[in-house]
Amino acid sequence: MPTSTVTEIAPSKAILINEAAVATGVSARQINRLIDDAVLPKSVCVKVGTRRAIRAFAVPMVSFGASDGTKLSKGMRLEAMRMIEKFAKENWPRLRDEPEHAKLLRFESGCVMISLGDPVSAAMAGLNKWADALRRIVEDPEVRGGIPIVRGTRISVHEIADALSSDGLEITLEDFPALSRKDVEAAVLYAKAHPRTGRPRAGSSCRRLFCEKTVDLTDVA
């Protein structure tokens, strides 16, 4: 397939709000509120077309801002955010490989001491899962009109998400023998970050068909 394999997420990569939401477990609504309330610095916010996004290094800031960050005053929260930003930029390769590296990171101001390590580590682990999804999912205009599919197959991420929701993991794996558990996990994550809009749900009778790598849809019309 023409789409290149994604091997890692660079700290400056633009992460859409829905993508940051699946990486952190923080709702898109909460993330937008962090932006609107200037909890996240303007410098980390970007646009992808008309859609809001944040730099990858700001994803740990989202995780903190929506959890322990709510316990701090705005001034201290912004100071803690700057600390996380600096730490993430300076330690990105190691944080990407070892999310637990952030565990000892703490914010101290007067008698206030709060751990930054847990939300930062959790966010980096979530970004790693998202990076794995990007390795496994492609959008090729020459295959099924460019809808997101699992690499090397014709199986749509939304078909997988629908199957998992209605039938559970084991049956989904039986219906899609070309997929591994990690493929299913990646597909569901991707489908959650990029909800289907305006496309009809594929019936269960199509499942085994799309598992085949060589199926020509013109032969089964």
N, C-alpha and C. Protein backbone atom coordinates (compact mmCIF):
# COMPACT_ATOMS: atom_id res chain seq x y z
N MET A 1 0.84 -1.19 0.00
CA MET A 1 0.00 0.00 0.00
C MET A 1 0.88 1.24 0.00
N PRO A 2 0.41 2.33 -0.57
CA PRO A 2 1.26 3.50 -0.70
C PRO A 2 1.51 4.25 0.57
N THR A 3 0.66 4.10 1.55
CA THR A 3 0.82 4.85 2.80
C THR A 3 2.02 4.31 3.57
N SER A 4 2.93 5.18 4.00
CA SER A 4 4.13 4.73 4.70
C SER A 4 3.82 4.34 6.13
N THR A 5 4.66 3.48 6.67
CA THR A 5 4.48 3.03 8.05
C THR A 5 4.90 4.13 9.01
N VAL A 6 4.06 4.39 10.01
CA VAL A 6 4.38 5.36 11.04
C VAL A 6 5.13 4.66 12.15
N THR A 7 6.33 5.11 12.48
CA THR A 7 7.13 4.42 13.47
C THR A 7 7.13 5.10 14.83
N GLU A 8 6.84 6.39 14.85
CA GLU A 8 6.82 7.08 16.13
C GLU A 8 6.07 8.39 15.99
N ILE A 9 5.72 8.97 17.13
CA ILE A 9 5.06 10.28 17.14
C ILE A 9 6.08 11.30 17.62
N ALA A 10 6.38 12.27 16.76
CA ALA A 10 7.31 13.33 17.13
C ALA A 10 6.64 14.29 18.10
N PRO A 11 7.41 14.96 18.95
CA PRO A 11 6.80 15.86 19.95
C PRO A 11 6.01 17.00 19.34
N SER A 12 6.36 17.43 18.12
CA SER A 12 5.66 18.55 17.50
C SER A 12 4.49 18.12 16.63
N LYS A 13 4.24 16.82 16.51
CA LYS A 13 3.16 16.33 15.66
C LYS A 13 1.82 16.86 16.14
N ALA A 14 0.97 17.28 15.21
CA ALA A 14 -0.37 17.75 15.56
C ALA A 14 -1.27 16.56 15.86
N ILE A 15 -1.86 16.58 17.03
CA ILE A 15 -2.78 15.52 17.47
C ILE A 15 -4.18 16.13 17.56
N LEU A 16 -5.09 15.62 16.76
CA LEU A 16 -6.46 16.14 16.80
C LEU A 16 -7.09 15.94 18.18
N ILE A 17 -8.06 16.75 18.49
CA ILE A 17 -8.68 16.70 19.81
C ILE A 17 -9.24 15.31 20.11
N ASN A 18 -9.94 14.71 19.16
CA ASN A 18 -10.49 13.36 19.38
C ASN A 18 -9.38 12.33 19.57
N GLU A 19 -8.27 12.53 18.90
CA GLU A 19 -7.13 11.62 19.06
C GLU A 19 -6.51 11.77 20.44
N ALA A 20 -6.38 13.01 20.90
CA ALA A 20 -5.88 13.25 22.25
C ALA A 20 -6.83 12.66 23.28
N ALA A 21 -8.12 12.68 22.98
CA ALA A 21 -9.11 12.14 23.91
C ALA A 21 -8.95 10.63 24.07
N VAL A 22 -8.74 9.90 22.97
CA VAL A 22 -8.58 8.45 23.10
C VAL A 22 -7.23 8.09 23.73
N ALA A 23 -6.24 8.96 23.56
CA ALA A 23 -4.93 8.69 24.15
C ALA A 23 -4.93 8.91 25.66
N THR A 24 -5.72 9.86 26.13
CA THR A 24 -5.69 10.24 27.54
C THR A 24 -6.89 9.75 28.35
N GLY A 25 -7.97 9.43 27.67
CA GLY A 25 -9.20 9.10 28.39
C GLY A 25 -9.95 10.33 28.86
N VAL A 26 -9.48 11.50 28.48
CA VAL A 26 -10.15 12.77 28.79
C VAL A 26 -11.09 13.07 27.62
N SER A 27 -12.31 13.46 27.89
CA SER A 27 -13.26 13.68 26.81
C SER A 27 -12.84 14.85 25.93
N ALA A 28 -13.26 14.80 24.67
CA ALA A 28 -12.97 15.90 23.75
C ALA A 28 -13.56 17.21 24.29
N ARG A 29 -14.71 17.12 24.91
CA ARG A 29 -15.34 18.31 25.48
C ARG A 29 -14.45 18.93 26.56
N GLN A 30 -13.87 18.08 27.43
CA GLN A 30 -12.98 18.59 28.47
C GLN A 30 -11.73 19.22 27.88
N ILE A 31 -11.19 18.60 26.85
CA ILE A 31 -9.98 19.15 26.23
C ILE A 31 -10.27 20.51 25.61
N ASN A 32 -11.39 20.61 24.92
CA ASN A 32 -11.77 21.90 24.33
C ASN A 32 -11.95 22.96 25.41
N ARG A 33 -12.46 22.53 26.57
CA ARG A 33 -12.63 23.47 27.67
C ARG A 33 -11.27 23.93 28.21
N LEU A 34 -10.31 23.03 28.27
CA LEU A 34 -8.96 23.40 28.71
C LEU A 34 -8.36 24.44 27.76
N ILE A 35 -8.66 24.30 26.48
CA ILE A 35 -8.18 25.28 25.50
C ILE A 35 -8.92 26.60 25.66
N ASP A 36 -10.25 26.54 25.75
CA ASP A 36 -11.05 27.76 25.84
C ASP A 36 -10.76 28.55 27.12
N ASP A 37 -10.46 27.83 28.20
CA ASP A 37 -10.18 28.49 29.48
C ASP A 37 -8.72 28.87 29.64
N ALA A 38 -7.93 28.68 28.56
CA ALA A 38 -6.50 29.02 28.55
C ALA A 38 -5.71 28.25 29.60
N VAL A 39 -6.23 27.08 29.98
CA VAL A 39 -5.44 26.20 30.86
C VAL A 39 -4.27 25.64 30.07
N LEU A 40 -4.53 25.28 28.80
CA LEU A 40 -3.46 24.90 27.90
C LEU A 40 -2.92 26.16 27.22
N PRO A 41 -1.63 26.38 27.24
CA PRO A 41 -1.07 27.59 26.60
C PRO A 41 -1.39 27.63 25.11
N LYS A 42 -1.58 28.83 24.58
CA LYS A 42 -1.89 28.97 23.16
C LYS A 42 -0.80 28.38 22.28
N SER A 43 0.42 28.37 22.78
CA SER A 43 1.55 27.90 21.98
C SER A 43 1.46 26.42 21.62
N VAL A 44 0.66 25.64 22.36
CA VAL A 44 0.57 24.21 22.09
C VAL A 44 -0.61 23.88 21.18
N CYS A 45 -1.45 24.89 20.88
CA CYS A 45 -2.66 24.66 20.10
C CYS A 45 -2.43 25.01 18.63
N VAL A 46 -2.89 24.14 17.74
CA VAL A 46 -2.73 24.34 16.30
C VAL A 46 -4.03 23.96 15.61
N LYS A 47 -4.07 24.16 14.30
CA LYS A 47 -5.22 23.76 13.49
C LYS A 47 -4.76 22.79 12.42
N VAL A 48 -5.57 21.78 12.17
CA VAL A 48 -5.37 20.87 11.04
C VAL A 48 -6.58 21.10 10.13
N GLY A 49 -6.39 21.91 9.11
CA GLY A 49 -7.53 22.36 8.33
C GLY A 49 -8.36 23.29 9.21
N THR A 50 -9.61 22.90 9.43
CA THR A 50 -10.48 23.69 10.30
C THR A 50 -10.62 23.08 11.69
N ARG A 51 -9.92 21.98 11.91
CA ARG A 51 -10.09 21.24 13.17
C ARG A 51 -9.02 21.61 14.19
N ARG A 52 -9.42 21.67 15.45
CA ARG A 52 -8.48 21.94 16.52
C ARG A 52 -7.56 20.76 16.75
N ALA A 53 -6.33 21.09 17.14
CA ALA A 53 -5.36 20.05 17.47
C ALA A 53 -4.38 20.63 18.48
N ILE A 54 -3.60 19.75 19.09
CA ILE A 54 -2.54 20.18 20.00
C ILE A 54 -1.27 19.44 19.63
N ARG A 55 -0.13 19.99 20.01
CA ARG A 55 1.13 19.31 19.76
C ARG A 55 1.21 18.06 20.65
N ALA A 56 1.90 17.05 20.17
CA ALA A 56 1.99 15.79 20.91
C ALA A 56 2.56 15.99 22.31
N PHE A 57 3.53 16.90 22.46
CA PHE A 57 4.13 17.10 23.77
C PHE A 57 3.13 17.67 24.78
N ALA A 58 1.99 18.20 24.27
CA ALA A 58 0.98 18.76 25.17
C ALA A 58 -0.02 17.71 25.65
N VAL A 59 0.02 16.51 25.09
CA VAL A 59 -0.92 15.47 25.52
C VAL A 59 -0.77 15.17 27.02
N PRO A 60 0.47 15.05 27.56
CA PRO A 60 0.60 14.87 29.02
C PRO A 60 0.04 16.05 29.81
N MET A 61 0.08 17.24 29.23
CA MET A 61 -0.48 18.41 29.90
C MET A 61 -2.00 18.30 30.01
N VAL A 62 -2.62 17.72 28.98
CA VAL A 62 -4.06 17.48 29.01
C VAL A 62 -4.41 16.53 30.15
N SER A 63 -3.64 15.46 30.24
CA SER A 63 -3.91 14.45 31.27
C SER A 63 -3.83 15.05 32.66
N PHE A 64 -2.82 15.88 32.90
CA PHE A 64 -2.69 16.54 34.20
C PHE A 64 -3.77 17.60 34.41
N GLY A 65 -4.01 18.41 33.37
CA GLY A 65 -4.97 19.51 33.50
C GLY A 65 -6.37 19.05 33.84
N ALA A 66 -6.72 17.84 33.38
CA ALA A 66 -8.07 17.32 33.64
C ALA A 66 -8.16 16.49 34.91
N SER A 67 -7.02 16.29 35.58
CA SER A 67 -7.03 15.49 36.81
C SER A 67 -6.54 16.33 37.98
N ASP A 68 -5.31 16.12 38.41
CA ASP A 68 -4.81 16.85 39.58
C ASP A 68 -4.67 18.35 39.35
N GLY A 69 -4.60 18.76 38.09
CA GLY A 69 -4.49 20.18 37.80
C GLY A 69 -5.67 20.99 38.30
N THR A 70 -6.81 20.33 38.42
CA THR A 70 -8.01 21.03 38.90
C THR A 70 -7.91 21.41 40.37
N LYS A 71 -6.94 20.83 41.09
CA LYS A 71 -6.78 21.11 42.51
C LYS A 71 -5.94 22.36 42.77
N LEU A 72 -5.31 22.89 41.74
CA LEU A 72 -4.40 24.02 41.90
C LEU A 72 -5.05 25.33 41.46
N SER A 73 -4.52 26.42 41.95
CA SER A 73 -4.96 27.73 41.46
C SER A 73 -4.50 27.87 40.01
N LYS A 74 -5.08 28.81 39.30
CA LYS A 74 -4.74 28.96 37.89
C LYS A 74 -3.26 29.24 37.70
N GLY A 75 -2.70 30.10 38.57
CA GLY A 75 -1.29 30.43 38.46
C GLY A 75 -0.40 29.22 38.66
N MET A 76 -0.66 28.45 39.70
CA MET A 76 0.15 27.26 39.96
C MET A 76 -0.05 26.21 38.88
N ARG A 77 -1.29 26.12 38.37
CA ARG A 77 -1.58 25.14 37.32
C ARG A 77 -0.78 25.45 36.06
N LEU A 78 -0.71 26.74 35.69
CA LEU A 78 0.05 27.13 34.52
C LEU A 78 1.54 26.87 34.73
N GLU A 79 2.02 27.10 35.95
CA GLU A 79 3.42 26.82 36.26
C GLU A 79 3.72 25.33 36.13
N ALA A 80 2.79 24.51 36.63
CA ALA A 80 2.95 23.06 36.51
C ALA A 80 2.91 22.63 35.05
N MET A 81 2.03 23.26 34.27
CA MET A 81 1.95 22.95 32.85
C MET A 81 3.27 23.24 32.15
N ARG A 82 3.87 24.36 32.48
CA ARG A 82 5.16 24.71 31.87
C ARG A 82 6.23 23.70 32.25
N MET A 83 6.17 23.20 33.49
CA MET A 83 7.11 22.19 33.93
C MET A 83 6.95 20.90 33.12
N ILE A 84 5.70 20.51 32.91
CA ILE A 84 5.44 19.29 32.13
C ILE A 84 5.91 19.49 30.69
N GLU A 85 5.62 20.66 30.12
CA GLU A 85 6.04 20.94 28.74
C GLU A 85 7.55 20.84 28.60
N LYS A 86 8.26 21.46 29.53
CA LYS A 86 9.73 21.44 29.48
C LYS A 86 10.25 20.00 29.64
N PHE A 87 9.69 19.28 30.59
CA PHE A 87 10.14 17.91 30.84
C PHE A 87 9.86 17.03 29.62
N ALA A 88 8.68 17.18 29.02
CA ALA A 88 8.32 16.35 27.87
C ALA A 88 9.24 16.63 26.68
N LYS A 89 9.51 17.90 26.41
CA LYS A 89 10.37 18.25 25.28
C LYS A 89 11.79 17.73 25.48
N GLU A 90 12.30 17.86 26.71
CA GLU A 90 13.68 17.48 26.98
C GLU A 90 13.87 15.97 27.08
N ASN A 91 12.81 15.24 27.40
CA ASN A 91 12.93 13.80 27.64
C ASN A 91 12.09 12.96 26.68
N TRP A 92 11.66 13.53 25.56
CA TRP A 92 10.69 12.86 24.70
C TRP A 92 11.08 11.45 24.27
N PRO A 93 12.28 11.22 23.72
CA PRO A 93 12.60 9.86 23.28
C PRO A 93 12.52 8.84 24.41
N ARG A 94 13.04 9.22 25.58
CA ARG A 94 12.99 8.27 26.70
C ARG A 94 11.56 8.09 27.21
N LEU A 95 10.79 9.19 27.28
CA LEU A 95 9.41 9.08 27.72
C LEU A 95 8.60 8.20 26.79
N ARG A 96 8.88 8.32 25.49
CA ARG A 96 8.18 7.51 24.51
C ARG A 96 8.49 6.03 24.71
N ASP A 97 9.76 5.74 25.01
CA ASP A 97 10.18 4.35 25.20
C ASP A 97 9.89 3.83 26.60
N GLU A 98 9.95 4.75 27.59
CA GLU A 98 9.74 4.37 29.00
C GLU A 98 8.82 5.39 29.66
N PRO A 99 7.51 5.27 29.49
CA PRO A 99 6.59 6.23 30.11
C PRO A 99 6.79 6.37 31.61
N GLU A 100 7.26 5.30 32.27
CA GLU A 100 7.45 5.35 33.72
C GLU A 100 8.57 6.31 34.12
N HIS A 101 9.36 6.76 33.15
CA HIS A 101 10.45 7.70 33.44
C HIS A 101 9.93 8.97 34.11
N ALA A 102 8.65 9.29 33.90
CA ALA A 102 8.08 10.53 34.46
C ALA A 102 7.61 10.37 35.90
N LYS A 103 7.67 9.16 36.45
CA LYS A 103 7.05 8.88 37.74
C LYS A 103 7.51 9.80 38.87
N LEU A 104 8.74 10.23 38.85
CA LEU A 104 9.28 11.04 39.95
C LEU A 104 9.06 12.54 39.76
N LEU A 105 8.45 12.93 38.66
CA LEU A 105 8.23 14.35 38.39
C LEU A 105 7.19 14.91 39.36
N ARG A 106 7.57 16.01 40.06
CA ARG A 106 6.68 16.62 41.05
C ARG A 106 6.68 18.13 40.90
N PHE A 107 5.55 18.72 41.28
CA PHE A 107 5.44 20.17 41.32
C PHE A 107 5.39 20.61 42.77
N GLU A 108 6.22 21.57 43.14
CA GLU A 108 6.24 22.08 44.51
C GLU A 108 6.16 23.60 44.49
N SER A 109 5.30 24.14 45.33
CA SER A 109 5.18 25.58 45.47
C SER A 109 4.75 25.87 46.90
N GLY A 110 5.68 26.40 47.71
CA GLY A 110 5.39 26.63 49.12
C GLY A 110 5.08 25.31 49.81
N CYS A 111 3.92 25.23 50.42
CA CYS A 111 3.55 23.99 51.11
C CYS A 111 2.79 23.02 50.21
N VAL A 112 2.64 23.39 48.95
CA VAL A 112 1.92 22.53 48.00
C VAL A 112 2.89 21.63 47.25
N MET A 113 2.63 20.35 47.28
CA MET A 113 3.42 19.41 46.49
C MET A 113 2.45 18.43 45.84
N ILE A 114 2.58 18.27 44.54
CA ILE A 114 1.66 17.40 43.81
C ILE A 114 2.44 16.61 42.76
N SER A 115 2.11 15.34 42.61
CA SER A 115 2.79 14.49 41.64
C SER A 115 2.32 14.79 40.22
N LEU A 116 3.27 14.96 39.33
CA LEU A 116 2.95 15.11 37.92
C LEU A 116 3.23 13.81 37.16
N GLY A 117 3.91 12.90 37.82
CA GLY A 117 4.39 11.69 37.15
C GLY A 117 3.29 10.78 36.64
N ASP A 118 2.27 10.54 37.46
CA ASP A 118 1.24 9.58 37.06
C ASP A 118 0.49 10.03 35.81
N PRO A 119 -0.03 11.26 35.76
CA PRO A 119 -0.73 11.66 34.53
C PRO A 119 0.18 11.73 33.31
N VAL A 120 1.43 12.12 33.50
CA VAL A 120 2.36 12.19 32.37
C VAL A 120 2.66 10.78 31.85
N SER A 121 2.93 9.85 32.76
CA SER A 121 3.21 8.47 32.36
C SER A 121 2.02 7.85 31.66
N ALA A 122 0.82 8.08 32.20
CA ALA A 122 -0.39 7.52 31.61
C ALA A 122 -0.63 8.09 30.21
N ALA A 123 -0.39 9.38 30.05
CA ALA A 123 -0.59 10.01 28.75
C ALA A 123 0.41 9.47 27.72
N MET A 124 1.65 9.27 28.11
CA MET A 124 2.65 8.75 27.19
C MET A 124 2.32 7.31 26.81
N ALA A 125 1.84 6.52 27.75
CA ALA A 125 1.42 5.15 27.43
C ALA A 125 0.26 5.18 26.44
N GLY A 126 -0.66 6.12 26.63
CA GLY A 126 -1.78 6.26 25.70
C GLY A 126 -1.33 6.69 24.31
N LEU A 127 -0.35 7.57 24.25
CA LEU A 127 0.20 7.99 22.96
C LEU A 127 0.87 6.81 22.25
N ASN A 128 1.52 5.95 23.02
CA ASN A 128 2.13 4.77 22.42
C ASN A 128 1.08 3.86 21.78
N LYS A 129 -0.07 3.72 22.43
CA LYS A 129 -1.14 2.92 21.85
C LYS A 129 -1.66 3.57 20.57
N TRP A 130 -1.74 4.90 20.59
CA TRP A 130 -2.19 5.61 19.41
C TRP A 130 -1.17 5.45 18.27
N ALA A 131 0.12 5.51 18.60
CA ALA A 131 1.15 5.30 17.59
C ALA A 131 1.05 3.91 16.98
N ASP A 132 0.73 2.92 17.81
CA ASP A 132 0.56 1.56 17.30
C ASP A 132 -0.63 1.49 16.36
N ALA A 133 -1.71 2.21 16.70
CA ALA A 133 -2.87 2.25 15.81
C ALA A 133 -2.50 2.85 14.46
N LEU A 134 -1.68 3.90 14.47
CA LEU A 134 -1.27 4.53 13.22
C LEU A 134 -0.39 3.61 12.39
N ARG A 135 0.34 2.73 13.04
CA ARG A 135 1.15 1.75 12.30
C ARG A 135 0.27 0.72 11.60
N ARG A 136 -0.87 0.41 12.19
CA ARG A 136 -1.71 -0.68 11.71
C ARG A 136 -2.83 -0.23 10.78
N ILE A 137 -3.20 1.03 10.83
CA ILE A 137 -4.35 1.51 10.07
C ILE A 137 -3.87 2.42 8.93
N VAL A 138 -4.46 2.22 7.75
CA VAL A 138 -4.11 3.05 6.60
C VAL A 138 -5.39 3.54 5.91
N GLU A 139 -5.25 4.60 5.14
CA GLU A 139 -6.33 5.10 4.31
C GLU A 139 -5.78 5.24 2.90
N ASP A 140 -6.11 4.28 2.05
CA ASP A 140 -5.59 4.21 0.68
C ASP A 140 -6.74 4.50 -0.28
N PRO A 141 -6.67 5.58 -1.06
CA PRO A 141 -7.77 5.92 -1.96
C PRO A 141 -8.07 4.83 -2.99
N GLU A 142 -7.12 3.93 -3.20
CA GLU A 142 -7.33 2.86 -4.18
C GLU A 142 -7.96 1.61 -3.56
N VAL A 143 -8.16 1.62 -2.26
CA VAL A 143 -8.76 0.47 -1.58
C VAL A 143 -10.02 0.93 -0.85
N ARG A 144 -11.16 0.46 -1.29
CA ARG A 144 -12.45 0.75 -0.68
C ARG A 144 -12.72 2.25 -0.52
N GLY A 145 -12.25 2.99 -1.52
CA GLY A 145 -12.55 4.41 -1.54
C GLY A 145 -11.82 5.24 -0.51
N GLY A 146 -10.80 4.67 0.11
CA GLY A 146 -10.00 5.44 1.06
C GLY A 146 -10.49 5.43 2.49
N ILE A 147 -11.48 4.56 2.82
CA ILE A 147 -11.90 4.47 4.22
C ILE A 147 -10.79 3.82 5.03
N PRO A 148 -10.68 4.11 6.32
CA PRO A 148 -9.61 3.52 7.13
C PRO A 148 -9.76 2.00 7.26
N ILE A 149 -8.70 1.29 6.94
CA ILE A 149 -8.69 -0.17 6.98
C ILE A 149 -7.45 -0.65 7.71
N VAL A 150 -7.47 -1.91 8.14
CA VAL A 150 -6.29 -2.52 8.74
C VAL A 150 -5.28 -2.80 7.64
N ARG A 151 -4.06 -2.42 7.85
CA ARG A 151 -3.00 -2.58 6.85
C ARG A 151 -2.93 -4.03 6.36
N GLY A 152 -2.86 -4.20 5.04
CA GLY A 152 -2.74 -5.52 4.45
C GLY A 152 -4.05 -6.25 4.26
N THR A 153 -5.17 -5.60 4.60
CA THR A 153 -6.50 -6.21 4.45
C THR A 153 -7.44 -5.20 3.80
N ARG A 154 -8.67 -5.62 3.62
CA ARG A 154 -9.71 -4.71 3.14
C ARG A 154 -10.73 -4.44 4.26
N ILE A 155 -10.34 -4.69 5.48
CA ILE A 155 -11.29 -4.63 6.60
C ILE A 155 -11.33 -3.22 7.19
N SER A 156 -12.53 -2.63 7.21
CA SER A 156 -12.71 -1.29 7.75
C SER A 156 -12.65 -1.28 9.27
N VAL A 157 -12.06 -0.24 9.83
CA VAL A 157 -11.99 -0.12 11.29
C VAL A 157 -13.39 -0.03 11.90
N HIS A 158 -14.32 0.56 11.17
CA HIS A 158 -15.67 0.71 11.71
C HIS A 158 -16.44 -0.61 11.68
N GLU A 159 -16.15 -1.46 10.70
CA GLU A 159 -16.74 -2.80 10.68
C GLU A 159 -16.24 -3.60 11.88
N ILE A 160 -14.96 -3.44 12.19
CA ILE A 160 -14.40 -4.15 13.34
C ILE A 160 -15.01 -3.64 14.63
N ALA A 161 -15.12 -2.32 14.76
CA ALA A 161 -15.71 -1.74 15.97
C ALA A 161 -17.15 -2.18 16.14
N ASP A 162 -17.91 -2.21 15.04
CA ASP A 162 -19.30 -2.66 15.10
C ASP A 162 -19.37 -4.13 15.54
N ALA A 163 -18.49 -4.95 14.96
CA ALA A 163 -18.50 -6.38 15.29
C ALA A 163 -18.14 -6.61 16.75
N LEU A 164 -17.14 -5.89 17.23
CA LEU A 164 -16.73 -6.05 18.62
C LEU A 164 -17.85 -5.64 19.56
N SER A 165 -18.53 -4.55 19.22
CA SER A 165 -19.61 -4.06 20.07
C SER A 165 -20.78 -5.04 20.14
N SER A 166 -21.09 -5.70 19.03
CA SER A 166 -22.26 -6.58 19.00
C SER A 166 -21.94 -8.03 19.37
N ASP A 167 -20.72 -8.49 19.07
CA ASP A 167 -20.42 -9.91 19.22
C ASP A 167 -19.31 -10.25 20.22
N GLY A 168 -18.52 -9.25 20.64
CA GLY A 168 -17.43 -9.53 21.55
C GLY A 168 -16.15 -9.89 20.81
N LEU A 169 -15.05 -9.95 21.56
CA LEU A 169 -13.73 -10.13 20.96
C LEU A 169 -13.53 -11.48 20.30
N GLU A 170 -13.88 -12.55 20.97
CA GLU A 170 -13.58 -13.88 20.44
C GLU A 170 -14.31 -14.13 19.12
N ILE A 171 -15.58 -13.78 19.05
CA ILE A 171 -16.33 -13.98 17.81
C ILE A 171 -15.80 -13.07 16.71
N THR A 172 -15.43 -11.85 17.09
CA THR A 172 -14.86 -10.92 16.10
C THR A 172 -13.59 -11.49 15.50
N LEU A 173 -12.73 -12.09 16.32
CA LEU A 173 -11.50 -12.69 15.82
C LEU A 173 -11.80 -13.90 14.93
N GLU A 174 -12.87 -14.63 15.25
CA GLU A 174 -13.26 -15.75 14.41
C GLU A 174 -13.78 -15.26 13.06
N ASP A 175 -14.56 -14.18 13.09
CA ASP A 175 -15.13 -13.63 11.85
C ASP A 175 -14.06 -12.96 10.98
N PHE A 176 -13.01 -12.46 11.63
CA PHE A 176 -11.93 -11.80 10.90
C PHE A 176 -10.60 -12.52 11.18
N PRO A 177 -10.39 -13.70 10.63
CA PRO A 177 -9.18 -14.48 10.94
C PRO A 177 -7.88 -13.81 10.50
N ALA A 178 -7.97 -12.80 9.63
CA ALA A 178 -6.76 -12.10 9.19
C ALA A 178 -6.24 -11.14 10.26
N LEU A 179 -7.04 -10.92 11.32
CA LEU A 179 -6.68 -9.93 12.33
C LEU A 179 -6.12 -10.56 13.60
N SER A 180 -5.21 -9.83 14.24
CA SER A 180 -4.74 -10.19 15.57
C SER A 180 -5.52 -9.37 16.60
N ARG A 181 -5.35 -9.72 17.86
CA ARG A 181 -5.99 -8.92 18.92
C ARG A 181 -5.53 -7.48 18.87
N LYS A 182 -4.24 -7.26 18.61
CA LYS A 182 -3.72 -5.90 18.56
C LYS A 182 -4.31 -5.14 17.38
N ASP A 183 -4.57 -5.83 16.27
CA ASP A 183 -5.23 -5.18 15.14
C ASP A 183 -6.62 -4.70 15.54
N VAL A 184 -7.35 -5.55 16.26
CA VAL A 184 -8.70 -5.19 16.70
C VAL A 184 -8.64 -4.00 17.65
N GLU A 185 -7.72 -4.05 18.61
CA GLU A 185 -7.59 -2.94 19.56
C GLU A 185 -7.27 -1.64 18.84
N ALA A 186 -6.36 -1.71 17.86
CA ALA A 186 -5.98 -0.52 17.10
C ALA A 186 -7.15 0.01 16.29
N ALA A 187 -7.90 -0.90 15.68
CA ALA A 187 -9.04 -0.49 14.86
C ALA A 187 -10.11 0.20 15.70
N VAL A 188 -10.39 -0.35 16.87
CA VAL A 188 -11.41 0.23 17.74
C VAL A 188 -10.97 1.61 18.22
N LEU A 189 -9.69 1.74 18.56
CA LEU A 189 -9.16 3.04 19.00
C LEU A 189 -9.27 4.06 17.88
N TYR A 190 -8.91 3.65 16.67
CA TYR A 190 -8.96 4.56 15.52
C TYR A 190 -10.39 4.96 15.21
N ALA A 191 -11.30 3.99 15.26
CA ALA A 191 -12.71 4.27 14.99
C ALA A 191 -13.29 5.24 16.01
N LYS A 192 -12.85 5.12 17.24
CA LYS A 192 -13.33 6.03 18.29
C LYS A 192 -12.83 7.45 18.05
N ALA A 193 -11.58 7.56 17.60
CA ALA A 193 -11.01 8.89 17.35
C ALA A 193 -11.55 9.51 16.06
N HIS A 194 -11.97 8.65 15.14
CA HIS A 194 -12.48 9.12 13.85
C HIS A 194 -13.83 8.47 13.57
N PRO A 195 -14.89 8.94 14.23
CA PRO A 195 -16.21 8.34 14.06
C PRO A 195 -16.66 8.35 12.60
N ARG A 196 -17.37 7.33 12.24
CA ARG A 196 -17.89 7.23 10.88
C ARG A 196 -18.97 8.29 10.67
N THR A 197 -18.94 8.93 9.52
CA THR A 197 -19.95 9.94 9.21
C THR A 197 -20.55 9.63 7.84
N GLY A 198 -21.83 9.33 7.85
CA GLY A 198 -22.55 9.18 6.60
C GLY A 198 -22.33 7.89 5.85
N ARG A 199 -21.62 6.92 6.47
CA ARG A 199 -21.41 5.65 5.79
C ARG A 199 -22.32 4.60 6.39
N PRO A 200 -22.96 3.77 5.58
CA PRO A 200 -23.83 2.73 6.11
C PRO A 200 -23.04 1.66 6.81
N ARG A 201 -23.64 1.10 7.86
CA ARG A 201 -23.00 0.02 8.58
C ARG A 201 -23.02 -1.25 7.74
N ALA A 202 -21.87 -1.91 7.62
CA ALA A 202 -21.79 -3.13 6.84
C ALA A 202 -22.46 -4.27 7.58
N GLY A 203 -23.20 -5.10 6.87
CA GLY A 203 -23.87 -6.24 7.50
C GLY A 203 -22.88 -7.31 7.88
N SER A 204 -23.28 -8.20 8.80
CA SER A 204 -22.38 -9.24 9.26
C SER A 204 -22.00 -10.19 8.15
N SER A 205 -22.86 -10.30 7.09
CA SER A 205 -22.55 -11.21 6.00
C SER A 205 -21.33 -10.79 5.21
N CYS A 206 -20.91 -9.51 5.38
CA CYS A 206 -19.74 -9.03 4.64
C CYS A 206 -18.44 -9.30 5.37
N ARG A 207 -18.51 -9.72 6.64
CA ARG A 207 -17.30 -9.76 7.45
C ARG A 207 -16.23 -10.67 6.88
N ARG A 208 -16.57 -11.93 6.61
CA ARG A 208 -15.57 -12.86 6.14
C ARG A 208 -15.04 -12.43 4.77
N LEU A 209 -15.91 -11.82 3.97
CA LEU A 209 -15.50 -11.35 2.67
C LEU A 209 -14.35 -10.37 2.77
N PHE A 210 -14.47 -9.40 3.68
CA PHE A 210 -13.46 -8.36 3.78
C PHE A 210 -12.20 -8.83 4.48
N CYS A 211 -12.22 -10.03 5.05
CA CYS A 211 -11.01 -10.56 5.65
C CYS A 211 -10.01 -10.98 4.60
N GLU A 212 -10.49 -11.24 3.39
CA GLU A 212 -9.60 -11.72 2.34
C GLU A 212 -8.83 -10.55 1.74
N LYS A 213 -7.56 -10.76 1.50
CA LYS A 213 -6.72 -9.68 0.99
C LYS A 213 -6.89 -9.48 -0.52
N THR A 214 -7.43 -10.49 -1.23
CA THR A 214 -7.44 -10.45 -2.67
C THR A 214 -8.83 -10.29 -3.27
N VAL A 215 -9.84 -10.02 -2.43
CA VAL A 215 -11.21 -9.93 -2.92
C VAL A 215 -11.37 -8.72 -3.85
N ASP A 216 -12.01 -8.93 -4.98
CA ASP A 216 -12.37 -7.85 -5.89
C ASP A 216 -13.86 -7.64 -5.75
N LEU A 217 -14.25 -6.48 -5.21
CA LEU A 217 -15.66 -6.25 -4.92
C LEU A 217 -16.53 -6.26 -6.16
N THR A 218 -15.94 -6.03 -7.34
CA THR A 218 -16.75 -6.05 -8.56
C THR A 218 -17.22 -7.45 -8.90
N ASP A 219 -16.57 -8.47 -8.32
CA ASP A 219 -16.94 -9.86 -8.59
C ASP A 219 -18.07 -10.34 -7.72
N VAL A 220 -18.44 -9.55 -6.70
CA VAL A 220 -19.47 -10.01 -5.77
C VAL A 220 -20.67 -9.06 -5.73
N ALA A 221 -20.73 -8.17 -6.70
CA ALA A 221 -21.85 -7.21 -6.75
C ALA A 221 -23.16 -7.93 -7.03
